Amino acid sequence: MSNFRREVITLQLGHYSNFVGTHWWNLQDASLSYDPETPPSEIQSDVLFREGQTPGGHVTHTPRLIAMDLKGSLRTLRQEGSLYDAGKDTSATTWEGSLMMRKESPAEKNSFLEDLDKLDKGEVLAEDHFYSSPLPQRSGAVSVETVNSQLARVQKCYRLEGSVKVWSDFLRIHLHPRTVSVIHQYNHDGEAHRLEAFGQGDALLQGSVLEQLEDKLHFFVEECDYLQGFQVFCDLADGFAGLGSKVTEMLQDSYGGRGILTWGMAPVSHPDTTPMKELYHVLNCALGTVNMAAHSSFFCPLTLRGGLGRRPSAPVAFPHLNYDPSLWYHSSSVLALALDALTLPYRLKNNSSPMWQLADSLSVSGRKVVAAYGAVPFPMMHGGTLPDALSACADKLPWKPLSACTELGDGRCFGQWATLKGFEGQRLTSSLPAGTQPATPLHGLHSGEDVLASYIQSFYPTSPLALQLVSTPSALTPPFPQIFSQSLSAQGFLQSQTPPPGSRGPAVSSAPIMTSLQSGPALGSWLSELHRGAVALDIRRVAPSFLSQGPEMGDYKEALEELRLLGLCYRDEMTHSSSEEDDD
């Protein structure tokens, strides 16, 4: 790993954010290389990971991560982890009276977690299922050589759709003992004591919760050589929106000058939802957006919902994905795969851009809300070229909205950062013989950067554009769900011939991804819609309990006014007059 690090500390606040984060960390762990003969990666892993050592002397790489969730959300995962557990002495006791013990049966582990336990014990896995790439080493307890020698031979496939209840059910890596914080005041399951309202989360960051967070932050911050900032994954539709608002405010006050990139997560649907809970979701999204944007370098909502209002349109559909939007295990994997590309600029070894540069290029003139778009996967033909792939998209961009914010389609954008990841083995230019007439202008260009820039600028001719091209693909190791179309090869590229109906093609083990972060007038429409949805609710009549634990009515109205003004920041000369008419 590099001697010079620009470390990033990650915070995951809420159950769905931990779903996305678990997939995301599994992807990061898959890119860690323990073999000195492996070609060096373009990605600098120690930006995110810290190196440690177990009591037995084994080297570990664990995330610089603080994950917060509610009581009952861990199931089989021990809060303190198992990497550095030297055993606890339970022999001493001072009570001499009679004892009554109640033993609760431990939660049952799925096949994936059972196999991880076997690997930690040095056991050999049975060859009963097959996967197109080996299950990688679990960062932690047993030696690298022991695990790799087994997994070079055993390739397993897991179908966990029916067994994933919480995010730890598919967590592949070990976590540091200081990572997990459980908020005991609220329950993950059941109807009682749920963290449903913004004010509940806002009031949490005090007392023991604040002390735990500050202690964990100090631990991770103090061991950094050069901390470039924080990335915050925070649930947007429940009470964690209030907690995230307080956490980002604390980070801004305590670590001013560092980057704070906040990603607001919202699932397509919530289990056991009701009309009242849907009202709460709208209000939480509105208040969370304006508050977290105010305290962050930028704020980007991430969701596959068709909108964040009470009546969203259909979930986002991708041409080459067959995912179930109602399954958090599926939808979070799509967002994590996109997030792997969206966060690349500040995680590269060479030509990287620090967090502040990424944020400053997008959040100009107070426009601190940005929208994300992604082609998951990017439709590139196996053996083809980048000009071929982009030309096949014709007059329509290949990406889909990841922020419930549709593009206006008129070429207006204040700033854009586009990333193409995972084209390894494919050509970025046409390499035409001398004297050959290029089929399109794209085929006549001489670098991948020029090809991609020319294509995007044909849609946004006057907009500032930054590009990042990385050949290394995202390794989709178990237990990433197999949600890909049969039209894709094992490397995630389009095949000229698809398998016949009824046959099973190869499992997709990597995939090319294209993403875009944008700041543009479309966000003004999105923020205005979010504002109108909240203002239209007579909160004192339809949801009086929402204010029972805060915020005060005056603070609530002030926040909605700030949301309205934030939307106005995205007006330009072409939209100014029409926006005024809409406001009237």
Foldseek 3Di string as FASTA:
>chain_A
DDPDEQAAAEEEAEFLSLLLVLLLVLLLVVPDDPDPVDPDAQFFSRNFWDWDAEPVGAIFTAGNAAYEYAPPQQQPADLQWDQHDPDDDPPDDDDDDDDDDDDDDGDDADPVVVVLVCVLVLHADDQPAAAPAFFADAGGRDHRVSNVVRRVPHGHADDCLPPDDGNNNFRRYTHHSLHYDYDHQAHPDDDPRHQFFQLVLLVPCDDPNVVSVVVSVCVSVVVDPHHQYYEYEFAQQGNSLNNLLVVLQVCCVPPPPHAYEYEHEDAQDDPPDDPLSLLRRLLSNLLSQLSNLVSGLAYEYFYQWLASFSDHDHGDDAPWFQFDSVRSSGRSSQRSQQVSFVPRQQGGPPNHDGNNRVSPQACPPNLRYKWKKKRVFQAAAVQEEQLVSLVVCPPDDRIDTRRSFDDPQQQWFAGKEKEKEAQAPHHHEQPDDPPDDDPDPLNPDDDNVVSVVVSVCVRNVPYYYHYYYGNHWRFQGPPRPQGTHQQAALSAYGYPDGDPPPDDHHGNGTGIMMMMMTHALSVLVSLVVSLCSNVVDPCVPSPVVSDVSDDDPVVSVVSSVSSNVSSVSRDDPVCVVVVVVVVD
